[in-house]
Protein backbone atom coordinates (compact mmCIF):
# COMPACT_ATOMS: atom_id res chain seq x y z
CA MET A 1 124.20 94.01 141.65
CA THR A 2 125.49 96.63 139.20
CA PHE A 3 127.51 96.45 136.00
CA TYR A 4 129.24 99.83 136.07
CA ASN A 5 128.51 103.32 137.46
CA GLY A 6 125.43 102.01 139.24
CA VAL A 7 123.78 100.76 136.00
CA PHE A 8 121.79 97.55 136.39
CA PRO A 9 122.45 94.92 133.68
CA PHE A 10 118.83 93.69 133.87
CA TYR A 11 115.53 94.21 135.60
CA PRO A 12 114.39 91.48 138.00
CA HIS A 13 110.79 91.84 136.78
CA GLY A 14 109.24 92.55 133.42
CA ARG A 15 107.61 95.89 132.73
CA LYS A 16 104.52 96.12 130.56
CA GLU A 17 102.94 99.36 129.35
CA TRP A 18 99.21 100.01 129.04
CA VAL A 19 97.82 98.73 125.75
CA PHE A 20 96.16 102.08 124.81
CA SER A 21 98.07 105.35 124.56
CA VAL A 22 96.66 108.46 126.20
CA ALA A 23 96.29 110.23 122.84
CA LEU A 24 94.26 107.32 121.45
CA ILE A 25 91.94 107.33 124.46
CA ILE A 26 91.37 111.09 124.10
CA VAL A 27 90.47 110.75 120.40
CA ILE A 28 88.02 107.92 121.12
CA ILE A 29 86.37 109.92 123.94
CA VAL A 30 85.96 113.00 121.71
CA PHE A 31 84.20 111.05 118.96
CA LEU A 32 82.06 109.22 121.51
CA VAL A 33 80.90 112.61 122.80
CA PHE A 34 79.89 113.60 119.25
CA ALA A 35 78.03 110.30 118.84
CA LEU A 36 76.24 110.74 122.17
CA ALA A 37 75.24 114.30 121.25
CA PHE A 38 73.72 113.05 118.01
CA LEU A 39 71.81 110.30 119.84
CA LEU A 40 70.19 113.01 121.95
CA ILE A 41 69.12 114.86 118.80
CA ILE A 42 67.63 111.84 117.00
CA PRO A 43 64.21 111.93 118.77
CA GLY A 44 63.60 115.42 117.35
CA ILE A 45 64.00 114.25 113.73
CA ARG A 46 60.71 113.13 112.13
CA GLY A 47 59.75 110.63 109.46
CA LYS A 48 62.10 109.16 106.91
CA ALA A 49 64.64 111.87 107.60
CA ARG A 50 65.57 110.07 110.81
CA GLN A 51 66.92 106.97 109.03
CA SER A 52 68.78 109.11 106.50
CA TRP A 53 70.40 111.23 109.20
CA ILE A 54 71.41 108.17 111.25
CA CYS A 55 73.06 106.53 108.25
CA ARG A 56 74.87 109.68 107.19
CA VAL A 57 76.14 110.56 110.66
CA ILE A 58 77.34 107.03 111.45
CA ILE A 59 79.28 106.81 108.18
CA SER A 60 80.71 110.29 108.63
CA LEU A 61 81.83 109.63 112.22
CA PHE A 62 83.35 106.32 111.15
CA ILE A 63 85.43 108.02 108.46
CA GLY A 64 86.50 110.79 110.82
CA VAL A 65 87.50 108.54 113.70
CA VAL A 66 89.51 106.21 111.44
CA THR A 67 91.51 109.04 109.86
CA VAL A 68 92.52 110.27 113.33
CA VAL A 69 92.90 107.05 115.32
CA VAL A 70 95.23 105.29 112.88
CA ASN A 71 97.82 108.01 113.51
CA PHE A 72 98.23 106.69 117.05
CA THR A 73 97.89 102.93 116.54
CA ALA A 74 100.82 100.53 116.43
CA ASP A 75 99.57 97.83 114.08
CA TRP A 76 100.19 99.15 110.58
CA GLU A 77 102.66 96.32 110.17
CA VAL A 78 102.90 93.38 112.54
CA GLY A 79 105.00 90.28 112.94
CA SER A 80 105.80 87.66 115.55
CA VAL A 81 107.93 84.59 116.05
CA SER A 82 108.27 81.90 118.71
CA ALA A 83 111.86 81.11 119.57
CA VAL A 84 114.24 79.86 122.23
CA THR A 85 116.52 82.76 123.08
CA THR A 86 118.74 84.15 125.81
CA TYR A 87 116.94 86.39 128.26
CA LYS A 88 119.45 88.39 130.29
CA SER A 89 122.85 89.91 129.71
CA PHE A 90 125.81 87.99 131.10
CA SER A 91 123.71 84.84 131.46
CA ASN A 92 123.46 81.69 129.34
CA ALA A 93 119.94 80.90 130.56
CA THR A 94 117.45 80.57 127.70
CA VAL A 95 113.68 81.00 127.61
CA THR A 96 110.94 80.04 125.20
CA ALA A 97 109.07 83.20 124.25
CA ASP A 98 106.95 84.91 121.62
CA ILE A 99 108.63 88.03 120.21
CA GLY A 100 106.31 90.50 118.46
CA VAL A 101 106.90 93.64 116.40
CA TYR A 102 104.12 96.21 115.91
CA VAL A 103 105.04 99.09 113.62
CA GLY A 104 103.02 102.31 113.62
CA LEU A 105 103.41 105.65 111.90
CA ASN A 106 105.25 107.18 114.86
CA GLY A 107 107.22 104.28 116.27
CA VAL A 108 107.48 100.58 116.95
CA ASN A 109 106.26 98.42 119.83
CA ILE A 110 108.27 95.31 120.68
CA THR A 111 106.68 92.65 122.85
CA LEU A 112 108.18 89.70 124.65
CA LYS A 113 105.91 87.13 126.27
CA GLY A 114 107.12 83.91 127.80
CA ASN A 115 105.62 80.60 126.71
CA PRO A 116 104.76 79.79 129.49
CA ILE A 117 104.76 83.26 130.98
CA HIS A 118 106.56 82.18 134.20
CA GLN A 119 110.10 80.95 133.54
CA ILE A 120 113.43 81.04 135.40
CA ASN A 121 111.57 82.37 138.47
CA GLU A 122 110.35 85.48 136.59
CA THR A 123 107.28 86.77 134.83
CA ILE A 124 108.22 87.40 131.20
CA ASP A 125 105.70 89.87 129.79
CA TYR A 126 107.06 93.03 128.16
CA ASN A 127 105.68 95.69 125.84
CA GLU A 128 108.22 98.39 125.03
CA GLN A 129 107.69 101.38 122.73
CA PHE A 130 110.40 103.11 120.67
CA ILE A 131 109.28 106.37 119.03
CA TRP A 132 110.70 108.11 115.95
CA SER A 133 108.16 110.94 115.54
CA PHE A 134 109.19 114.61 115.32
CA GLY A 135 110.80 115.77 118.54
CA SER A 136 111.72 112.20 119.55
CA ASN A 137 114.93 110.29 119.02
CA LEU A 138 114.65 106.52 118.78
CA ASN A 139 118.35 106.17 119.62
CA GLU A 140 117.65 107.78 123.00
CA TYR A 141 114.88 105.26 123.67
CA TYR A 142 117.28 102.47 122.75
CA ASN A 143 119.99 103.85 125.04
CA GLU A 144 117.46 104.08 127.86
CA GLY A 145 116.60 100.44 127.23
CA LEU A 146 120.27 99.52 127.50
CA THR A 147 120.54 101.47 130.73
CA LYS A 148 117.47 99.80 132.20
CA GLY A 149 118.67 96.39 131.15
CA LEU A 150 115.77 95.27 128.98
CA PRO A 151 115.78 91.61 127.89
CA ASN A 152 118.10 90.66 125.05
CA PRO A 153 115.37 89.87 122.46
CA ILE A 154 113.82 93.33 122.82
CA LEU A 155 117.17 95.08 122.55
CA TYR A 156 118.15 92.95 119.57
CA VAL A 157 115.00 93.87 117.62
CA ALA A 158 115.13 97.52 118.71
CA GLU A 159 118.73 97.75 117.49
CA LYS A 160 117.53 96.98 113.96
CA PHE A 161 115.41 100.15 114.05
CA THR A 162 118.12 102.48 115.35
CA GLN A 163 119.46 105.25 113.14
CA TYR A 164 122.98 103.92 112.70
CA ASP A 165 122.14 100.28 112.10
CA PRO A 166 123.45 99.15 108.65
CA CYS A 167 120.07 97.59 107.81
CA GLY A 168 118.60 101.04 107.11
CA ILE A 169 115.18 100.22 108.55
CA PHE A 170 114.98 103.41 110.62
CA ASN A 171 115.19 105.96 107.80
CA GLN A 172 112.69 104.15 105.59
CA TYR A 173 110.03 103.69 108.27
CA ARG A 174 110.55 107.17 109.71
CA ILE A 175 110.22 108.97 106.37
CA SER A 176 107.28 106.89 105.15
CA GLY A 177 105.59 107.26 108.54
CA HIS A 178 105.91 111.06 108.44
CA TYR A 179 104.42 111.26 104.94
CA ALA A 180 101.62 108.85 105.87
CA THR A 181 100.78 110.86 108.99
CA ALA A 182 100.69 114.13 107.04
CA CYS A 183 98.36 112.61 104.43
CA MET A 184 96.05 111.25 107.13
CA TRP A 185 95.74 114.66 108.80
CA MET A 186 95.03 116.25 105.42
CA ALA A 187 92.33 113.61 104.91
CA PHE A 188 90.82 114.61 108.26
CA CYS A 189 90.78 118.30 107.25
CA SER A 190 89.10 117.53 103.92
CA TRP A 191 86.58 115.35 105.81
CA ILE A 192 85.63 118.37 107.94
CA ILE A 193 85.20 120.56 104.85
CA CYS A 194 83.12 117.80 103.23
CA ASN A 195 80.72 117.73 106.17
CA ILE A 196 80.36 121.52 106.10
CA LEU A 197 79.49 121.45 102.39
CA PHE A 198 76.93 118.67 102.87
CA PHE A 199 75.36 120.64 105.73
CA MET A 200 75.09 123.65 103.41
CA SER A 201 73.41 121.38 100.78
CA VAL A 202 76.27 121.91 98.32
CA TYR A 203 76.29 118.22 97.42
CA ILE A 204 78.51 118.21 94.34
CA TYR A 205 81.36 120.05 96.07
CA GLY A 206 80.90 117.86 99.13
CA ALA A 207 81.34 114.86 96.83
CA TYR A 208 84.53 116.37 95.44
CA MET A 209 85.89 116.87 98.94
CA ILE A 210 85.10 113.31 99.99
CA LEU A 211 87.03 112.16 96.91
CA VAL A 212 89.91 114.34 98.11
CA THR A 213 89.62 112.59 101.48
CA ALA A 214 89.84 109.21 99.74
CA ALA A 215 92.87 110.39 97.73
CA PHE A 216 94.80 111.47 100.83
CA ILE A 217 94.01 108.19 102.61
CA LEU A 218 95.20 106.17 99.62
CA PHE A 219 98.35 108.34 99.32
CA SER A 220 99.04 107.58 102.98
CA LEU A 221 98.73 103.84 102.35
CA ILE A 222 100.99 104.02 99.30
CA SER A 223 103.59 105.96 101.29
CA PHE A 224 103.68 103.34 104.03
CA ALA A 225 103.50 100.32 101.71
CA THR A 226 106.59 101.41 99.77
CA VAL A 227 108.73 100.30 102.72
CA ARG A 228 107.87 96.68 102.01
CA ASN A 229 109.45 96.92 98.55
CA ILE A 230 112.89 97.29 100.14
CA SER A 231 114.79 94.25 101.38
CA PHE A 232 116.06 94.66 104.92
CA CYS A 233 118.27 92.55 107.15
CA ASN A 234 116.59 89.50 108.58
CA ILE A 235 115.63 89.56 112.25
CA GLN A 236 116.84 86.10 113.13
CA PHE A 237 116.36 84.09 116.33
CA GLY A 238 118.32 80.90 115.82
CA SER A 239 116.65 79.05 112.97
CA GLU A 240 113.50 81.20 113.21
CA SER A 241 113.09 84.47 111.29
CA LEU A 242 110.71 87.25 112.29
CA LYS A 243 108.52 88.16 109.30
CA THR A 244 106.06 91.05 109.20
CA THR A 245 102.77 91.58 107.36
CA LEU A 246 100.44 94.54 106.92
CA GLY A 247 98.29 94.98 110.00
CA ALA A 248 94.74 95.91 110.96
CA SER A 249 95.24 99.70 110.78
CA PHE A 250 96.47 99.46 107.19
CA TRP A 251 93.49 97.39 106.03
CA LEU A 252 91.04 99.53 108.01
CA SER A 253 92.43 102.65 106.36
CA LEU A 254 92.19 100.99 102.96
CA ALA A 255 88.52 100.09 103.57
CA THR A 256 87.81 103.66 104.69
CA GLY A 257 89.51 105.13 101.62
CA LEU A 258 87.53 102.86 99.29
CA LEU A 259 84.32 103.76 101.15
CA CYS A 260 85.01 107.47 100.59
CA LEU A 261 85.76 106.77 96.93
CA ILE A 262 82.48 104.89 96.46
CA ILE A 263 80.40 107.54 98.26
CA GLY A 264 81.92 110.43 96.34
CA THR A 265 81.53 108.68 92.98
CA ALA A 266 77.93 107.70 93.74
CA ILE A 267 76.97 111.26 94.69
CA ILE A 268 78.53 112.68 91.52
CA ILE A 269 76.68 110.12 89.36
CA LEU A 270 73.37 110.82 91.11
CA ASN A 271 73.87 114.57 90.78
CA TRP A 272 74.53 114.14 87.05
CA TRP A 273 71.74 111.71 86.17
CA VAL A 274 69.00 112.05 88.79
CA PRO A 275 69.52 115.18 90.90
CA GLY A 276 65.99 114.85 92.27
CA LYS A 277 66.82 111.47 93.80
CA LEU A 278 69.95 112.94 95.36
CA LYS A 279 67.91 115.68 97.03
CA LEU A 280 65.46 113.05 98.23
CA ILE A 281 68.29 111.05 99.79
CA PHE A 282 69.48 114.12 101.67
CA ASN A 283 65.84 114.97 102.57
CA ALA A 284 66.04 118.33 100.88
CA VAL A 285 62.58 118.09 99.26
CA GLU A 286 60.63 116.48 102.08
CA GLU A 287 59.84 119.76 103.82
CA ASP A 288 58.94 121.36 100.47
CA ASP A 289 56.45 118.56 99.76
CA GLU A 290 54.83 119.03 103.16
CA GLU A 291 54.50 122.77 102.59
CA ASP A 292 52.97 122.16 99.14
CA THR A 293 50.33 119.80 100.54
CA ILE A 294 49.35 122.42 103.10
CA SER A 295 49.19 125.29 100.62
CA LYS A 296 47.33 123.50 97.80
CA PRO A 297 43.81 123.62 99.37
CA CYS A 298 44.12 127.38 99.74
CA ASP A 299 45.17 127.71 96.11
CA ASN A 300 41.98 125.92 94.99
CA GLY A 301 39.76 128.29 96.88
CA CYS A 302 38.84 125.80 99.59
CA CYS A 303 39.99 128.17 102.26
CA HIS A 304 37.56 130.86 101.01
CA ASN A 305 34.68 128.39 100.91
CA ASN A 306 35.41 127.24 104.42
CA LEU A 307 35.53 130.82 105.60
CA ALA A 308 32.17 131.51 103.89
CA PHE A 309 30.65 128.38 105.45
CA ASP A 310 31.90 129.44 108.90
CA HIS A 311 30.38 132.89 108.31
CA VAL A 312 27.02 131.38 107.47
C-alpha cells in the first residue's frame, strides 16, 4: 500500500539502530590498545615507581578517553515520558509507549519503545538518530523519516528540532553543540601537551597545561548548559509533557574537569612549597638515590681498601 508516488505511509516493522556508533567503538579500541601496551610494560618497572606509574597512567588515560568519547555520545541531555499516543499515519489506533530523547553534541536520538513491546500485531522498538553536525542537515534526516513513514511520536519530537520549527530548539542546540565540541577537542590537545611535558619532567608547565585542559572542559559544559536557560515549546503527549535533564556525559565531563583542576592545583602547590616531594612523587630522585648509595663506599676509600686486600 502506498500513499503517493510509491512512498509508504508507514513501516510494518520497527527499525532499531545499534546502540554504539562506529566512531565511539573506534575511540574505545584505540585507548584500550594504549592501556594494553602499558600493561605489557609494567613488569619492567621496579620498586615504588610501579605504583606511581600505574596511578599516573590510569588517570591520564581516563582524562583522555573522556574528552574524546563524550563528543560521540548521545546522553548530554536526556528525557523520557510514558504516554498513550497514535502510532501510524492515517490510523486512529493508539499504543502505550515510552518516548525518549537523548541529546548529544552532534545530534539527537529519539527512541520509541512499546509498553508492552508487542502491540497491534507489531514490535514497537525504535531508535532513530537525527544529526546536525557540520556537513549534515537535520531537515534532510527528518524528510527521510517522513518518506520512510516513521511512527508519529518520533516524527513529532523530531519536528521540534528541525531548523524551521518556531520553537527555535535547533539553532540553540546546534550552536552550543559546535562550541562544546570545539572546546572538548582543544581539551584533548592540551591533554597531549600536558603528558609530553610531564614525560620531559617539566612539572610546573605540565600543571599549567592540565589546568588549561580543565578550563576547556568547563567551557564546553558552560556552552552546552546555556541552552537550558532558554524556554522552549513543550513536547506534549496528551496530558504528559516530555521533560529533559542533564545526562551522564555532562556529569562525567564535569567530574573530569574538576579532576584536572584538582591535579593541576595540587602540582603547583607542591612545586611551590615542597618541590622535593613533587620529584619523589614522579620518581625523579629514586634513581639518583640508588646511584648515591652505590658511589658512597668508593668515596670513603673502601674500594681502595678492598682492592688492597684482594692484592694481598
